[in-house]
Amino acid sequence: MLVYLIRRLFNVVATLLVVSVVTFGIFFAVPKITGSDPALMYAGRETNETALAGIRVKMGFDKPISEQYLTFVKGIFAGRDYDGGTDVTHCAAPCFGYSFKTEAPVWETMVDRMPVTLSLALGAAVIWVIAGVATGVISALKRRTAIDRTVMVGALAGVSLPIFFTGMVAPAIFVYSLGWLDVSNYKPLTEDPVAWLNSMILPWVTLAFLFAATYARITRATMLDVLGEDYIRTARAKGLKEGVVIRKHALRSTLTPIVTMFGLDLGGLLGGAVLTETTFNFQGLGTAAVAAIGQGDLPVIMGVTLLAALFVVMANLIVDLLYAVIDPRVRLT
């Protein structure tokens, strides 16, 4: 198990290194190739050549791309100093640079936005994995019944309807028609837990509805395949109770593709649930990335991209470890 873990950690480091090189190259090398000036993007249109020269020196834009990359990576782990000659600005680790538009540290911007995205992604994930797997199992066990058809129709609707549509329909039903919930902006958990929960219910339901529908369909299909396997028939022939057969044998095999999907979906959402955050006006990592793209704010775009990549890679690492628990045979691969 230790060797298996070391191999996976090595893959994580290698993947993050490749992502950082590609991301840095895209957002800093391409502007030079196309003739764009990052210093002008940082300074804005109201500037002069003397100010631009000072920005290039202070931000390191006058150095080779390879040297800029090494300085950037060093800044993430050890911080860095932006030396403009007469003034020196220290950026503490982890340093992802400064926003071209607000001149605020990118890491501070991401930290401010991260609780919103974490609250949204983690809460919705709990709902969709429980609801999706449970309904998928029930649908498989009640195959070709009214329950099965109802669940599959609901799952088809969940897969087909876009988030921005369900994000409009959900308040219309649960707020304005039934009066069960209130529409409110995001409230931090540390300030008011009750207000935080109230502000998260609708976004959770909206986001979970899409993913739960997919999980229900995959769980149903996988469960039906597993229930037809020889070892399931053998377990039943030995006299095991149906509940034991389902929980101990069938469900465990069914969870393998579900774990893969869950890791990828959760890792991707932790990098920013763009549509849901935009629909409910949540100021998370997704809306920060969208705003940065619209403004050409390269440091923020790169910071959010690298953070999202970290979430995805770490989620895959956890999935690999869970594989080793669910199916010990993968430890040999």
Protein backbone atom coordinates (compact mmCIF):
# COMPACT_ATOMS: atom_id res chain seq x y z
CA MET A 1 0.00 0.00 0.00
CA LEU A 2 2.89 2.37 0.77
CA VAL A 3 4.46 1.78 -2.65
CA TYR A 4 1.08 2.35 -4.27
CA LEU A 5 0.68 5.65 -2.40
CA ILE A 6 4.19 6.82 -3.34
CA ARG A 7 3.53 6.12 -7.03
CA ARG A 8 0.31 8.10 -6.92
CA LEU A 9 1.95 11.03 -5.12
CA PHE A 10 4.68 11.09 -7.74
CA ASN A 11 1.99 11.26 -10.44
CA VAL A 12 0.33 14.15 -8.59
CA VAL A 13 3.56 16.17 -8.48
CA ALA A 14 4.33 15.45 -12.14
CA THR A 15 0.81 16.42 -13.22
CA LEU A 16 0.84 19.69 -11.29
CA LEU A 17 4.26 20.52 -12.74
CA VAL A 18 3.03 19.98 -16.30
CA VAL A 19 -0.13 22.02 -15.63
CA SER A 20 1.89 24.88 -14.16
CA VAL A 21 4.26 24.95 -17.15
CA VAL A 22 1.43 24.88 -19.69
CA THR A 23 -0.65 27.45 -17.81
CA PHE A 24 2.27 29.83 -17.32
CA GLY A 25 3.26 29.45 -20.96
CA ILE A 26 -0.23 30.22 -22.20
CA PHE A 27 -0.78 33.29 -20.07
CA PHE A 28 2.68 34.83 -20.23
CA ALA A 29 4.50 33.48 -23.26
CA VAL A 30 1.59 33.89 -25.71
CA PRO A 31 1.18 37.65 -25.02
CA LYS A 32 4.84 38.13 -25.93
CA ILE A 33 4.47 36.07 -29.09
CA THR A 34 1.37 37.99 -30.15
CA GLY A 35 2.93 41.35 -29.36
CA SER A 36 0.79 42.11 -26.29
CA ASP A 37 2.43 43.83 -23.35
CA PRO A 38 1.64 42.46 -19.87
CA ALA A 39 3.01 45.67 -18.39
CA LEU A 40 0.41 47.68 -20.32
CA MET A 41 -2.30 45.31 -19.12
CA TYR A 42 -1.12 45.87 -15.56
CA ALA A 43 -0.82 49.66 -15.86
CA GLY A 44 -3.94 50.33 -17.90
CA ARG A 45 -4.31 52.72 -20.82
CA GLU A 46 -3.53 55.91 -18.89
CA THR A 47 0.25 55.49 -18.63
CA ASN A 48 3.55 56.41 -20.26
CA GLU A 49 6.68 54.59 -21.42
CA THR A 50 8.64 55.44 -18.27
CA ALA A 51 5.97 53.91 -16.06
CA LEU A 52 5.77 50.86 -18.29
CA ALA A 53 9.53 50.35 -18.08
CA GLY A 54 9.35 50.50 -14.29
CA ILE A 55 6.51 47.95 -14.22
CA ARG A 56 8.44 45.57 -16.48
CA VAL A 57 11.42 45.68 -14.12
CA LYS A 58 9.38 45.39 -10.92
CA MET A 59 7.13 42.57 -12.15
CA GLY A 60 9.97 40.74 -13.91
CA PHE A 61 8.41 41.00 -17.38
CA ASP A 62 11.77 42.00 -18.84
CA LYS A 63 13.33 38.63 -17.96
CA PRO A 64 13.30 35.43 -20.05
CA ILE A 65 10.16 33.31 -19.79
CA SER A 66 12.07 30.44 -18.17
CA GLU A 67 13.41 32.72 -15.44
CA GLN A 68 9.96 34.20 -14.90
CA TYR A 69 8.52 30.71 -14.48
CA LEU A 70 11.13 29.63 -11.94
CA THR A 71 10.55 32.84 -9.99
CA PHE A 72 6.81 32.23 -10.10
CA VAL A 73 7.17 28.67 -8.77
CA LYS A 74 9.54 29.83 -6.06
CA GLY A 75 7.04 32.49 -5.05
CA ILE A 76 4.35 29.88 -4.48
CA PHE A 77 6.49 28.01 -1.96
CA ALA A 78 8.77 30.70 -0.50
CA GLY A 79 7.27 34.06 -1.48
CA ARG A 80 8.98 36.65 -3.64
CA ASP A 81 10.03 40.29 -3.73
CA TYR A 82 8.93 42.64 -6.49
CA ASP A 83 11.92 44.99 -6.75
CA GLY A 84 11.30 48.20 -8.61
CA GLY A 85 14.57 49.80 -7.56
CA THR A 86 13.22 52.54 -5.30
CA ASP A 87 10.49 50.38 -3.76
CA VAL A 88 10.32 46.68 -2.92
CA THR A 89 7.02 44.84 -2.46
CA HIS A 90 7.12 41.54 -0.63
CA CYS A 91 4.55 38.92 -1.60
CA ALA A 92 4.29 36.25 1.08
CA ALA A 93 3.95 32.57 0.18
CA PRO A 94 1.91 31.26 -1.45
CA CYS A 95 2.41 34.09 -3.92
CA PHE A 96 0.50 33.91 -7.21
CA GLY A 97 1.25 37.51 -8.11
CA TYR A 98 -0.98 40.58 -8.14
CA SER A 99 -4.17 41.27 -10.05
CA PHE A 100 -3.71 43.47 -13.10
CA LYS A 101 -6.95 45.29 -12.31
CA THR A 102 -7.22 45.58 -8.53
CA GLU A 103 -3.50 45.15 -7.71
CA ALA A 104 -4.61 42.90 -4.83
CA PRO A 105 -2.68 39.68 -4.16
CA VAL A 106 -4.20 36.85 -6.18
CA TRP A 107 -3.97 34.41 -3.26
CA GLU A 108 -5.97 36.73 -1.01
CA THR A 109 -8.62 37.06 -3.71
CA MET A 110 -8.88 33.27 -4.00
CA VAL A 111 -8.99 32.79 -0.24
CA ASP A 112 -11.82 35.32 0.03
CA ARG A 113 -13.79 33.51 -2.67
CA MET A 114 -12.98 29.95 -1.64
CA PRO A 115 -15.49 29.54 1.25
CA VAL A 116 -18.36 30.29 -1.14
CA THR A 117 -17.27 27.67 -3.65
CA LEU A 118 -16.43 25.11 -0.95
CA SER A 119 -19.83 25.57 0.69
CA LEU A 120 -21.61 25.19 -2.63
CA ALA A 121 -19.64 22.22 -3.96
CA LEU A 122 -19.38 20.15 -0.76
CA GLY A 123 -23.01 20.63 0.27
CA ALA A 124 -24.34 19.79 -3.18
CA ALA A 125 -21.99 16.80 -3.43
CA VAL A 126 -23.40 15.22 -0.26
CA ILE A 127 -26.93 15.61 -1.62
CA TRP A 128 -26.30 14.36 -5.13
CA VAL A 129 -24.23 11.30 -4.20
CA ILE A 130 -26.73 10.10 -1.58
CA ALA A 131 -29.82 10.87 -3.65
CA GLY A 132 -28.33 9.67 -6.93
CA VAL A 133 -26.98 6.35 -5.67
CA ALA A 134 -30.05 5.61 -3.54
CA THR A 135 -32.52 6.27 -6.35
CA GLY A 136 -30.35 4.36 -8.83
CA VAL A 137 -30.25 1.29 -6.59
CA ILE A 138 -34.00 1.44 -5.94
CA SER A 139 -34.68 1.82 -9.66
CA ALA A 140 -32.51 -1.22 -10.45
CA LEU A 141 -34.20 -3.35 -7.80
CA LYS A 142 -37.64 -2.23 -9.04
CA ARG A 143 -36.80 -2.71 -12.71
CA ARG A 144 -39.65 -2.18 -15.19
CA THR A 145 -42.05 -0.97 -12.52
CA ALA A 146 -43.75 2.40 -12.11
CA ILE A 147 -41.06 3.39 -9.60
CA ASP A 148 -38.30 2.62 -12.09
CA ARG A 149 -39.97 4.58 -14.88
CA THR A 150 -40.68 7.56 -12.61
CA VAL A 151 -37.08 7.70 -11.40
CA MET A 152 -35.69 7.47 -14.93
CA VAL A 153 -38.02 10.20 -16.22
CA GLY A 154 -36.85 12.45 -13.38
CA ALA A 155 -33.23 11.55 -14.12
CA LEU A 156 -33.70 12.34 -17.81
CA ALA A 157 -35.18 15.72 -16.90
CA GLY A 158 -32.28 16.43 -14.55
CA VAL A 159 -29.71 15.61 -17.21
CA SER A 160 -31.51 17.60 -19.91
CA LEU A 161 -32.33 20.82 -18.08
CA PRO A 162 -29.48 23.37 -17.84
CA ILE A 163 -28.49 24.81 -14.47
CA PHE A 164 -29.54 28.36 -15.30
CA PHE A 165 -33.05 27.08 -16.09
CA THR A 166 -33.45 25.05 -12.90
CA GLY A 167 -31.89 27.98 -11.05
CA MET A 168 -34.83 30.13 -12.17
CA VAL A 169 -37.51 27.46 -11.70
CA ALA A 170 -36.43 26.44 -8.19
CA PRO A 171 -37.07 29.89 -6.61
CA ALA A 172 -40.34 30.17 -8.51
CA ILE A 173 -41.54 26.93 -6.93
CA PHE A 174 -39.99 26.83 -3.47
CA VAL A 175 -39.95 30.58 -2.74
CA TYR A 176 -42.76 32.33 -4.55
CA SER A 177 -45.31 29.50 -4.97
CA LEU A 178 -44.85 27.34 -1.86
CA GLY A 179 -43.18 29.91 0.38
CA TRP A 180 -40.90 27.29 1.95
CA LEU A 181 -37.65 29.23 1.48
CA ASP A 182 -36.39 32.79 1.20
CA VAL A 183 -34.10 34.19 -1.48
CA SER A 184 -30.96 35.58 0.13
CA ASN A 185 -27.37 36.30 -0.76
CA TYR A 186 -24.54 34.18 0.55
CA LYS A 187 -23.90 34.51 4.29
CA PRO A 188 -20.64 33.19 5.79
CA LEU A 189 -21.04 30.14 8.01
CA THR A 190 -18.94 31.71 10.74
CA GLU A 191 -21.17 34.79 10.95
CA ASP A 192 -24.63 33.22 10.97
CA PRO A 193 -25.02 29.43 10.48
CA VAL A 194 -28.79 29.64 10.08
CA ALA A 195 -28.58 32.38 7.44
CA TRP A 196 -25.77 30.45 5.73
CA LEU A 197 -27.92 27.32 5.53
CA ASN A 198 -30.91 29.30 4.26
CA SER A 199 -28.81 30.92 1.54
CA MET A 200 -27.35 27.57 0.41
CA ILE A 201 -30.43 25.33 0.16
CA LEU A 202 -31.63 26.48 -3.25
CA PRO A 203 -28.15 26.46 -4.87
CA TRP A 204 -27.51 23.01 -3.40
CA VAL A 205 -30.76 21.62 -4.74
CA THR A 206 -30.24 23.21 -8.15
CA LEU A 207 -26.69 21.91 -8.54
CA ALA A 208 -27.41 18.50 -6.98
CA PHE A 209 -30.41 17.89 -9.25
CA LEU A 210 -28.19 17.79 -12.34
CA PHE A 211 -25.54 15.51 -10.86
CA ALA A 212 -27.96 13.25 -8.95
CA ALA A 213 -29.77 12.53 -12.19
CA THR A 214 -26.55 11.38 -13.84
CA TYR A 215 -25.54 9.30 -10.82
CA ALA A 216 -28.96 7.64 -10.70
CA ARG A 217 -28.70 6.56 -14.34
CA ILE A 218 -25.13 5.25 -13.98
CA THR A 219 -25.91 3.49 -10.69
CA ARG A 220 -28.98 1.81 -12.16
CA ALA A 221 -27.14 0.56 -15.24
CA THR A 222 -24.13 -0.67 -13.24
CA MET A 223 -26.30 -2.33 -10.59
CA LEU A 224 -28.28 -4.22 -13.23
CA ASP A 225 -25.03 -5.52 -14.75
CA VAL A 226 -23.69 -6.57 -11.36
CA LEU A 227 -26.92 -8.32 -10.36
CA GLY A 228 -26.50 -10.56 -13.41
CA GLU A 229 -23.00 -11.73 -12.41
CA ASP A 230 -22.30 -15.31 -11.37
CA TYR A 231 -21.04 -14.42 -7.91
CA ILE A 232 -24.34 -12.70 -7.11
CA ARG A 233 -26.26 -15.82 -8.09
CA THR A 234 -23.83 -17.87 -6.01
CA ALA A 235 -24.37 -15.65 -2.98
CA ARG A 236 -28.12 -16.04 -3.32
CA ALA A 237 -27.78 -19.80 -3.80
CA LYS A 238 -25.87 -20.01 -0.52
CA GLY A 239 -28.91 -18.63 1.25
CA LEU A 240 -27.68 -15.14 2.02
CA LYS A 241 -30.39 -12.61 2.71
CA GLU A 242 -31.20 -10.32 -0.20
CA GLY A 243 -30.22 -7.25 1.81
CA VAL A 244 -26.78 -8.73 2.50
CA VAL A 245 -26.32 -9.65 -1.16
CA ILE A 246 -27.19 -6.11 -2.25
CA ARG A 247 -25.19 -4.23 0.39
CA LYS A 248 -22.11 -6.41 0.74
CA HIS A 249 -21.65 -7.72 -2.79
CA ALA A 250 -23.63 -5.85 -5.45
CA LEU A 251 -23.35 -2.31 -4.09
CA ARG A 252 -19.61 -2.56 -3.48
CA SER A 253 -18.95 -3.44 -7.11
CA THR A 254 -21.37 -0.75 -8.25
CA LEU A 255 -19.47 1.94 -6.37
CA THR A 256 -16.31 1.69 -8.51
CA PRO A 257 -17.49 3.90 -11.42
CA ILE A 258 -19.42 6.11 -8.99
CA VAL A 259 -16.25 6.86 -7.03
CA THR A 260 -14.48 7.82 -10.26
CA MET A 261 -17.27 10.18 -11.28
CA PHE A 262 -17.55 11.68 -7.84
CA GLY A 263 -13.85 12.50 -7.64
CA LEU A 264 -13.80 14.19 -11.04
CA ASP A 265 -17.07 16.06 -10.50
CA LEU A 266 -16.21 17.30 -7.02
CA GLY A 267 -12.66 18.25 -8.02
CA GLY A 268 -13.97 20.23 -10.97
CA LEU A 269 -16.61 22.03 -8.91
CA LEU A 270 -14.11 23.00 -6.22
CA GLY A 271 -12.36 24.99 -8.92
CA GLY A 272 -15.54 27.00 -9.42
CA ALA A 273 -19.19 26.15 -10.14
CA VAL A 274 -19.45 28.91 -12.72
CA LEU A 275 -23.09 28.61 -13.82
CA THR A 276 -24.52 28.07 -10.35
CA GLU A 277 -22.49 30.89 -8.82
CA THR A 278 -23.53 33.21 -11.63
CA THR A 279 -27.21 32.20 -11.42
CA PHE A 280 -27.41 32.87 -7.67
CA ASN A 281 -24.96 35.81 -7.69
CA PHE A 282 -22.45 34.03 -5.46
CA GLN A 283 -18.98 35.57 -5.42
CA GLY A 284 -16.98 32.36 -5.63
CA LEU A 285 -13.96 31.14 -7.60
CA GLY A 286 -16.07 30.57 -10.71
CA THR A 287 -17.37 34.12 -10.92
CA ALA A 288 -13.87 35.40 -10.13
CA ALA A 289 -12.50 33.46 -13.10
CA VAL A 290 -15.27 34.71 -15.41
CA ALA A 291 -14.68 38.33 -14.35
CA ALA A 292 -10.91 37.93 -14.79
CA ILE A 293 -11.36 36.51 -18.29
CA GLY A 294 -13.57 39.43 -19.26
CA GLN A 295 -11.00 41.92 -17.92
CA GLY A 296 -7.92 40.12 -19.22
CA ASP A 297 -6.63 39.73 -15.67
CA LEU A 298 -3.99 37.08 -16.37
CA PRO A 299 -2.64 36.51 -12.82
CA VAL A 300 -6.12 35.82 -11.44
CA ILE A 301 -6.96 33.51 -14.35
CA MET A 302 -3.72 31.59 -13.84
CA GLY A 303 -4.18 31.40 -10.08
CA VAL A 304 -7.72 30.02 -10.31
CA THR A 305 -6.63 27.60 -13.05
CA LEU A 306 -3.79 26.21 -10.95
CA LEU A 307 -6.00 25.96 -7.87
CA ALA A 308 -8.68 24.14 -9.87
CA ALA A 309 -6.03 21.77 -11.23
CA LEU A 310 -4.84 21.10 -7.68
CA PHE A 311 -8.38 20.24 -6.60
CA VAL A 312 -8.88 17.88 -9.54
CA VAL A 313 -5.53 16.14 -9.05
CA MET A 314 -6.04 15.72 -5.31
CA ALA A 315 -9.56 14.40 -5.91
CA ASN A 316 -8.12 11.83 -8.30
CA LEU A 317 -5.53 10.84 -5.70
CA ILE A 318 -8.28 10.25 -3.15
CA VAL A 319 -10.20 8.24 -5.75
CA ASP A 320 -7.12 6.08 -6.37
CA LEU A 321 -6.80 5.42 -2.64
CA LEU A 322 -10.49 4.56 -2.37
CA TYR A 323 -10.06 2.15 -5.28
CA ALA A 324 -7.42 0.33 -3.26
CA VAL A 325 -9.92 -0.01 -0.42
CA ILE A 326 -12.89 -1.04 -2.57
CA ASP A 327 -10.89 -3.40 -4.80
CA PRO A 328 -7.48 -4.49 -3.40
CA ARG A 329 -6.48 -5.78 -6.86
CA VAL A 330 -5.73 -2.24 -8.04
CA ARG A 331 -2.83 -2.02 -5.57
CA LEU A 332 -0.88 -4.24 -7.94
CA THR A 333 -1.28 -1.88 -10.88
